[in-house]
């Protein structure tokens, strides 16, 4: 088990609140007027900060939207690092994904809250945001590979497979929700799909490990 991080200082909490305010203000304006129709200067003015201050918190306009993904960037790595003794990395990730489905975590795609759906339409309907999202996904994959440990290339392969399965599961759930289905109606299929996906991963990773055993 990993040691819990120390409590955040008042200064750190203030910075977190400022980041949250800037992101929420930007997303509200982008949803109201369109991403390309709102400038960074307008976001800063609406949040009552200067433009240089905004850029101290967010390096690019796209990051104002993708701030929500930043919270999940190292989630898979944290789940693996913090799993109980005796639990495999894949079992921990499966457990975490199933728990996400149950609590309707937007990252799993199984969330029909109107605000979440509006955010997703903004994200996936804006090419600049989709392109920037790949960077977050790549960093998430690298963090997971480090947490998995072992030979570097094999860890990268395993992390890539895991991230791909979770992405496909989330995309399928999101597709059905976007088509008008309710999360409660999709949940049973989402759980079955997750069990299938993680089952295939388990068999594939076991086969890979067996292939490297001495004969």
C-alpha atoms as a PDB file:
ATOM      1  CA  UNK A   1       0.000   0.000   0.000  1.00  0.00           C
ATOM      2  CA  UNK A   2       1.174   3.522  -0.756  1.00  0.00           C
ATOM      3  CA  UNK A   3       1.408   6.197   1.941  1.00  0.00           C
ATOM      4  CA  UNK A   4      -1.417   8.776   1.695  1.00  0.00           C
ATOM      5  CA  UNK A   5      -0.223  12.209   0.542  1.00  0.00           C
ATOM      6  CA  UNK A   6      -0.012  14.973   3.171  1.00  0.00           C
ATOM      7  CA  UNK A   7      -2.964  17.397   3.414  1.00  0.00           C
ATOM      8  CA  UNK A   8      -2.863  20.272   0.951  1.00  0.00           C
ATOM      9  CA  UNK A   9      -1.777  23.649   2.302  1.00  0.00           C
ATOM     10  CA  UNK A  10      -4.074  26.683   2.160  1.00  0.00           C
ATOM     11  CA  UNK A  11      -1.974  28.045  -0.710  1.00  0.00           C
ATOM     12  CA  UNK A  12      -2.365  24.811  -2.658  1.00  0.00           C
ATOM     13  CA  UNK A  13      -6.112  24.740  -1.995  1.00  0.00           C
ATOM     14  CA  UNK A  14      -6.409  28.310  -3.285  1.00  0.00           C
ATOM     15  CA  UNK A  15      -4.542  27.362  -6.447  1.00  0.00           C
ATOM     16  CA  UNK A  16      -6.802  24.350  -6.951  1.00  0.00           C
ATOM     17  CA  UNK A  17      -9.908  26.517  -6.545  1.00  0.00           C
ATOM     18  CA  UNK A  18      -8.545  29.048  -9.026  1.00  0.00           C
ATOM     19  CA  UNK A  19      -7.855  26.319 -11.571  1.00  0.00           C
ATOM     20  CA  UNK A  20     -11.340  24.944 -11.066  1.00  0.00           C
ATOM     21  CA  UNK A  21     -12.938  28.366 -11.476  1.00  0.00           C
ATOM     22  CA  UNK A  22     -10.995  29.083 -14.655  1.00  0.00           C
ATOM     23  CA  UNK A  23     -11.895  25.710 -16.161  1.00  0.00           C
ATOM     24  CA  UNK A  24     -15.580  25.943 -15.244  1.00  0.00           C
ATOM     25  CA  UNK A  25     -15.814  29.498 -16.577  1.00  0.00           C
ATOM     26  CA  UNK A  26     -14.168  28.507 -19.866  1.00  0.00           C
ATOM     27  CA  UNK A  27     -16.391  25.460 -20.360  1.00  0.00           C
ATOM     28  CA  UNK A  28     -19.514  27.521 -19.655  1.00  0.00           C
ATOM     29  CA  UNK A  29     -18.507  30.114 -22.255  1.00  0.00           C
ATOM     30  CA  UNK A  30     -17.500  27.473 -24.795  1.00  0.00           C
ATOM     31  CA  UNK A  31     -20.850  25.710 -24.389  1.00  0.00           C
ATOM     32  CA  UNK A  32     -22.762  28.976 -24.728  1.00  0.00           C
ATOM     33  CA  UNK A  33     -20.903  30.422 -27.726  1.00  0.00           C
ATOM     34  CA  UNK A  34     -18.676  27.700 -29.198  1.00  0.00           C
ATOM     35  CA  UNK A  35     -15.046  26.887 -28.532  1.00  0.00           C
ATOM     36  CA  UNK A  36     -13.614  28.818 -31.486  1.00  0.00           C
ATOM     37  CA  UNK A  37     -15.753  31.882 -30.775  1.00  0.00           C
ATOM     38  CA  UNK A  38     -14.345  32.503 -27.279  1.00  0.00           C
ATOM     39  CA  UNK A  39     -10.837  33.856 -26.744  1.00  0.00           C
ATOM     40  CA  UNK A  40      -8.555  33.154 -23.797  1.00  0.00           C
ATOM     41  CA  UNK A  41      -8.738  36.856 -22.929  1.00  0.00           C
ATOM     42  CA  UNK A  42     -12.518  36.620 -22.661  1.00  0.00           C
ATOM     43  CA  UNK A  43     -12.235  33.621 -20.352  1.00  0.00           C
ATOM     44  CA  UNK A  44      -9.765  35.478 -18.144  1.00  0.00           C
ATOM     45  CA  UNK A  45     -12.014  38.540 -17.986  1.00  0.00           C
ATOM     46  CA  UNK A  46     -15.073  36.452 -17.093  1.00  0.00           C
ATOM     47  CA  UNK A  47     -13.094  34.741 -14.312  1.00  0.00           C
ATOM     48  CA  UNK A  48     -11.779  38.137 -13.126  1.00  0.00           C
ATOM     49  CA  UNK A  49      -8.096  37.355 -13.595  1.00  0.00           C
ATOM     50  CA  UNK A  50      -5.494  38.642 -16.029  1.00  0.00           C
ATOM     51  CA  UNK A  51      -4.539  36.725 -19.148  1.00  0.00           C
ATOM     52  CA  UNK A  52      -0.967  36.100 -17.852  1.00  0.00           C
ATOM     53  CA  UNK A  53      -2.481  34.703 -14.648  1.00  0.00           C
ATOM     54  CA  UNK A  54      -4.650  32.313 -16.654  1.00  0.00           C
ATOM     55  CA  UNK A  55      -1.609  31.055 -18.537  1.00  0.00           C
ATOM     56  CA  UNK A  56       0.172  30.366 -15.258  1.00  0.00           C
ATOM     57  CA  UNK A  57      -2.512  27.790 -14.574  1.00  0.00           C
ATOM     58  CA  UNK A  58      -3.159  26.511 -18.095  1.00  0.00           C
ATOM     59  CA  UNK A  59      -0.487  26.362 -20.775  1.00  0.00           C
ATOM     60  CA  UNK A  60      -2.972  26.272 -23.654  1.00  0.00           C
ATOM     61  CA  UNK A  61      -6.606  27.082 -24.369  1.00  0.00           C
ATOM     62  CA  UNK A  62      -7.364  23.383 -24.872  1.00  0.00           C
ATOM     63  CA  UNK A  63      -6.225  22.578 -21.352  1.00  0.00           C
ATOM     64  CA  UNK A  64      -9.042  24.707 -19.933  1.00  0.00           C
ATOM     65  CA  UNK A  65     -11.418  22.011 -21.165  1.00  0.00           C
ATOM     66  CA  UNK A  66      -9.202  18.995 -20.635  1.00  0.00           C
ATOM     67  CA  UNK A  67      -8.508  19.966 -17.025  1.00  0.00           C
ATOM     68  CA  UNK A  68     -11.130  17.370 -16.080  1.00  0.00           C
ATOM     69  CA  UNK A  69      -9.120  14.656 -17.765  1.00  0.00           C
ATOM     70  CA  UNK A  70      -5.973  15.729 -15.952  1.00  0.00           C
ATOM     71  CA  UNK A  71      -7.534  14.478 -12.720  1.00  0.00           C
ATOM     72  CA  UNK A  72      -7.728  10.995 -14.261  1.00  0.00           C
ATOM     73  CA  UNK A  73      -4.391  11.049 -16.079  1.00  0.00           C
ATOM     74  CA  UNK A  74      -2.606   8.867 -13.555  1.00  0.00           C
ATOM     75  CA  UNK A  75      -5.684   7.117 -12.158  1.00  0.00           C
ATOM     76  CA  UNK A  76      -4.837   3.689 -13.574  1.00  0.00           C
ATOM     77  CA  UNK A  77      -1.277   3.985 -12.263  1.00  0.00           C
ATOM     78  CA  UNK A  78      -2.551   4.987  -8.824  1.00  0.00           C
ATOM     79  CA  UNK A  79      -4.981   2.052  -8.750  1.00  0.00           C
ATOM     80  CA  UNK A  80      -2.159  -0.373  -9.549  1.00  0.00           C
ATOM     81  CA  UNK A  81       0.259   1.186  -7.065  1.00  0.00           C
ATOM     82  CA  UNK A  82      -2.301   1.295  -4.276  1.00  0.00           C
ATOM     83  CA  UNK A  83      -3.875  -2.130  -4.718  1.00  0.00           C
ATOM     84  CA  UNK A  84      -4.082  -4.483  -1.707  1.00  0.00           C
ATOM     85  CA  UNK A  85      -1.385  -7.086  -1.231  1.00  0.00           C
ATOM     86  CA  UNK A  86      -2.133 -10.229  -3.198  1.00  0.00           C
ATOM     87  CA  UNK A  87      -4.356  -8.524  -5.769  1.00  0.00           C
ATOM     88  CA  UNK A  88      -3.081  -8.476  -9.336  1.00  0.00           C
ATOM     89  CA  UNK A  89      -2.762  -5.221 -11.229  1.00  0.00           C
ATOM     90  CA  UNK A  90      -5.398  -6.290 -13.733  1.00  0.00           C
ATOM     91  CA  UNK A  91      -7.833  -7.357 -11.007  1.00  0.00           C
ATOM     92  CA  UNK A  92      -7.434  -3.956  -9.350  1.00  0.00           C
ATOM     93  CA  UNK A  93      -8.094  -2.145 -12.630  1.00  0.00           C
ATOM     94  CA  UNK A  94     -11.144  -4.329 -13.320  1.00  0.00           C
ATOM     95  CA  UNK A  95     -12.492  -3.620  -9.838  1.00  0.00           C
ATOM     96  CA  UNK A  96     -11.921   0.113 -10.316  1.00  0.00           C
ATOM     97  CA  UNK A  97     -13.664   0.168 -13.708  1.00  0.00           C
ATOM     98  CA  UNK A  98     -16.690  -1.754 -12.405  1.00  0.00           C
ATOM     99  CA  UNK A  99     -16.912   0.639  -9.444  1.00  0.00           C
ATOM    100  CA  UNK A 100     -16.814   3.524 -11.926  1.00  0.00           C
ATOM    101  CA  UNK A 101     -19.749   2.045 -13.806  1.00  0.00           C
ATOM    102  CA  UNK A 102     -21.716   1.722 -10.581  1.00  0.00           C
ATOM    103  CA  UNK A 103     -21.153   5.343  -9.570  1.00  0.00           C
ATOM    104  CA  UNK A 104     -21.741   6.571 -13.150  1.00  0.00           C
ATOM    105  CA  UNK A 105     -18.251   7.984 -13.539  1.00  0.00           C
ATOM    106  CA  UNK A 106     -18.181   9.940 -16.843  1.00  0.00           C
ATOM    107  CA  UNK A 107     -14.791   8.382 -17.658  1.00  0.00           C
ATOM    108  CA  UNK A 108     -16.555   5.013 -18.122  1.00  0.00           C
ATOM    109  CA  UNK A 109     -18.994   6.508 -20.623  1.00  0.00           C
ATOM    110  CA  UNK A 110     -21.927   5.373 -18.468  1.00  0.00           C
ATOM    111  CA  UNK A 111     -23.255   8.771 -17.429  1.00  0.00           C
ATOM    112  CA  UNK A 112     -26.382  10.450 -18.762  1.00  0.00           C
ATOM    113  CA  UNK A 113     -26.230  13.666 -16.748  1.00  0.00           C
ATOM    114  CA  UNK A 114     -27.090  16.555 -19.117  1.00  0.00           C
ATOM    115  CA  UNK A 115     -24.017  18.588 -18.113  1.00  0.00           C
ATOM    116  CA  UNK A 116     -21.736  15.618 -18.807  1.00  0.00           C
ATOM    117  CA  UNK A 117     -23.338  14.994 -22.194  1.00  0.00           C
ATOM    118  CA  UNK A 118     -22.947  18.663 -23.128  1.00  0.00           C
ATOM    119  CA  UNK A 119     -19.284  18.563 -22.103  1.00  0.00           C
ATOM    120  CA  UNK A 120     -18.682  15.445 -24.182  1.00  0.00           C
ATOM    121  CA  UNK A 121     -20.317  17.009 -27.234  1.00  0.00           C
ATOM    122  CA  UNK A 122     -18.021  20.003 -26.816  1.00  0.00           C
ATOM    123  CA  UNK A 123     -14.952  17.814 -26.398  1.00  0.00           C
ATOM    124  CA  UNK A 124     -15.463  15.305 -29.188  1.00  0.00           C
ATOM    125  CA  UNK A 125     -16.961  17.874 -31.538  1.00  0.00           C
ATOM    126  CA  UNK A 126     -13.881  20.118 -31.416  1.00  0.00           C
ATOM    127  CA  UNK A 127     -10.880  18.812 -33.427  1.00  0.00           C
ATOM    128  CA  UNK A 128      -8.343  20.852 -31.438  1.00  0.00           C
ATOM    129  CA  UNK A 129      -9.572  19.301 -28.198  1.00  0.00           C
ATOM    130  CA  UNK A 130      -9.560  15.765 -29.579  1.00  0.00           C
ATOM    131  CA  UNK A 131      -5.981  16.228 -30.784  1.00  0.00           C
ATOM    132  CA  UNK A 132      -4.911  17.528 -27.372  1.00  0.00           C
ATOM    133  CA  UNK A 133      -6.684  14.631 -25.650  1.00  0.00           C
ATOM    134  CA  UNK A 134      -4.254  12.164 -27.245  1.00  0.00           C
ATOM    135  CA  UNK A 135      -1.451  13.698 -25.199  1.00  0.00           C
ATOM    136  CA  UNK A 136      -3.324  13.033 -21.966  1.00  0.00           C
ATOM    137  CA  UNK A 137      -3.996   9.453 -23.014  1.00  0.00           C
ATOM    138  CA  UNK A 138      -0.345   8.886 -23.905  1.00  0.00           C
ATOM    139  CA  UNK A 139       0.830  10.167 -20.529  1.00  0.00           C
ATOM    140  CA  UNK A 140      -1.745   7.973 -18.786  1.00  0.00           C
ATOM    141  CA  UNK A 141      -0.442   4.950 -20.648  1.00  0.00           C
ATOM    142  CA  UNK A 142       3.175   5.728 -19.752  1.00  0.00           C
ATOM    143  CA  UNK A 143       2.298   6.204 -16.078  1.00  0.00           C
ATOM    144  CA  UNK A 144       0.488   2.867 -16.045  1.00  0.00           C
ATOM    145  CA  UNK A 145       3.471   1.130 -17.669  1.00  0.00           C
ATOM    146  CA  UNK A 146       5.753   2.460 -14.937  1.00  0.00           C
ATOM    147  CA  UNK A 147       3.334   1.264 -12.253  1.00  0.00           C
ATOM    148  CA  UNK A 148       3.119  -2.206 -13.815  1.00  0.00           C
ATOM    149  CA  UNK A 149       6.898  -2.564 -13.692  1.00  0.00           C
ATOM    150  CA  UNK A 150       8.911  -5.358 -15.249  1.00  0.00           C
ATOM    151  CA  UNK A 151      10.721  -5.181 -18.587  1.00  0.00           C
ATOM    152  CA  UNK A 152      10.013  -1.777 -20.132  1.00  0.00           C
ATOM    153  CA  UNK A 153       8.733  -2.939 -23.524  1.00  0.00           C
ATOM    154  CA  UNK A 154       6.479  -5.613 -22.038  1.00  0.00           C
ATOM    155  CA  UNK A 155       5.065  -3.105 -19.550  1.00  0.00           C
ATOM    156  CA  UNK A 156       4.347  -0.684 -22.395  1.00  0.00           C
ATOM    157  CA  UNK A 157       2.572  -3.411 -24.360  1.00  0.00           C
ATOM    158  CA  UNK A 158       0.456  -4.386 -21.365  1.00  0.00           C
ATOM    159  CA  UNK A 159      -0.407  -0.760 -20.551  1.00  0.00           C
ATOM    160  CA  UNK A 160      -1.355  -0.104 -24.166  1.00  0.00           C
ATOM    161  CA  UNK A 161      -3.697  -3.083 -24.207  1.00  0.00           C
ATOM    162  CA  UNK A 162      -5.320  -2.128 -20.916  1.00  0.00           C
ATOM    163  CA  UNK A 163      -5.836   1.501 -21.892  1.00  0.00           C
ATOM    164  CA  UNK A 164      -7.243   0.457 -25.278  1.00  0.00           C
ATOM    165  CA  UNK A 165      -9.778  -1.916 -23.707  1.00  0.00           C
ATOM    166  CA  UNK A 166     -10.949   0.704 -21.222  1.00  0.00           C
ATOM    167  CA  UNK A 167     -11.240   3.269 -24.016  1.00  0.00           C
ATOM    168  CA  UNK A 168     -13.321   0.951 -26.221  1.00  0.00           C
ATOM    169  CA  UNK A 169     -15.603   0.069 -23.293  1.00  0.00           C
ATOM    170  CA  UNK A 170     -16.134   3.756 -22.500  1.00  0.00           C
ATOM    171  CA  UNK A 171     -16.725   4.640 -26.149  1.00  0.00           C
ATOM    172  CA  UNK A 172     -19.390   1.946 -26.527  1.00  0.00           C
ATOM    173  CA  UNK A 173     -21.177   3.087 -23.372  1.00  0.00           C
ATOM    174  CA  UNK A 174     -20.951   6.699 -24.498  1.00  0.00           C
ATOM    175  CA  UNK A 175     -22.267   5.842 -27.966  1.00  0.00           C
ATOM    176  CA  UNK A 176     -25.388   4.270 -26.514  1.00  0.00           C
ATOM    177  CA  UNK A 177     -25.961   7.113 -24.075  1.00  0.00           C
ATOM    178  CA  UNK A 178     -25.518   9.682 -26.852  1.00  0.00           C
ATOM    179  CA  UNK A 179     -28.103   7.771 -28.906  1.00  0.00           C
ATOM    180  CA  UNK A 180     -30.675   8.394 -26.166  1.00  0.00           C
ATOM    181  CA  UNK A 181     -30.467   5.342 -23.916  1.00  0.00           C
ATOM    182  CA  UNK A 182     -30.485   5.825 -20.166  1.00  0.00           C
ATOM    183  CA  UNK A 183     -27.504   4.806 -18.070  1.00  0.00           C
ATOM    184  CA  UNK A 184     -29.641   2.528 -15.901  1.00  0.00           C
ATOM    185  CA  UNK A 185     -30.774   0.614 -18.993  1.00  0.00           C
ATOM    186  CA  UNK A 186     -27.239   0.259 -20.345  1.00  0.00           C
ATOM    187  CA  UNK A 187     -25.561  -0.714 -17.069  1.00  0.00           C
ATOM    188  CA  UNK A 188     -26.061  -4.497 -17.258  1.00  0.00           C
ATOM    189  CA  UNK A 189     -24.628  -4.646 -20.789  1.00  0.00           C
ATOM    190  CA  UNK A 190     -21.783  -2.344 -19.736  1.00  0.00           C
ATOM    191  CA  UNK A 191     -20.858  -4.678 -16.884  1.00  0.00           C
ATOM    192  CA  UNK A 192     -20.954  -7.725 -19.172  1.00  0.00           C
ATOM    193  CA  UNK A 193     -18.802  -5.918 -21.736  1.00  0.00           C
ATOM    194  CA  UNK A 194     -16.297  -4.952 -19.022  1.00  0.00           C
ATOM    195  CA  UNK A 195     -16.089  -8.544 -17.816  1.00  0.00           C
ATOM    196  CA  UNK A 196     -15.519  -9.675 -21.404  1.00  0.00           C
ATOM    197  CA  UNK A 197     -12.857  -7.044 -22.030  1.00  0.00           C
ATOM    198  CA  UNK A 198     -10.926  -7.663 -18.846  1.00  0.00           C
ATOM    199  CA  UNK A 199     -11.304 -11.421 -19.320  1.00  0.00           C
ATOM    200  CA  UNK A 200      -9.685 -11.187 -22.723  1.00  0.00           C
ATOM    201  CA  UNK A 201      -6.939  -9.044 -21.247  1.00  0.00           C
ATOM    202  CA  UNK A 202      -6.292 -11.588 -18.494  1.00  0.00           C
ATOM    203  CA  UNK A 203      -6.025 -14.451 -20.969  1.00  0.00           C
ATOM    204  CA  UNK A 204      -3.792 -12.453 -23.288  1.00  0.00           C
ATOM    205  CA  UNK A 205      -1.441 -11.274 -20.564  1.00  0.00           C
ATOM    206  CA  UNK A 206      -1.209 -14.763 -19.077  1.00  0.00           C
ATOM    207  CA  UNK A 207      -0.347 -16.140 -22.505  1.00  0.00           C
ATOM    208  CA  UNK A 208       2.357 -13.519 -22.923  1.00  0.00           C
ATOM    209  CA  UNK A 209       3.826 -14.368 -19.526  1.00  0.00           C
ATOM    210  CA  UNK A 210       3.758 -18.102 -20.303  1.00  0.00           C
ATOM    211  CA  UNK A 211       5.537 -17.522 -23.606  1.00  0.00           C
ATOM    212  CA  UNK A 212       8.523 -16.101 -21.675  1.00  0.00           C
ATOM    213  CA  UNK A 213       8.789 -18.966 -19.204  1.00  0.00           C
ATOM    214  CA  UNK A 214      11.860 -21.187 -19.575  1.00  0.00           C
ATOM    215  CA  UNK A 215      11.148 -24.449 -21.368  1.00  0.00           C
END
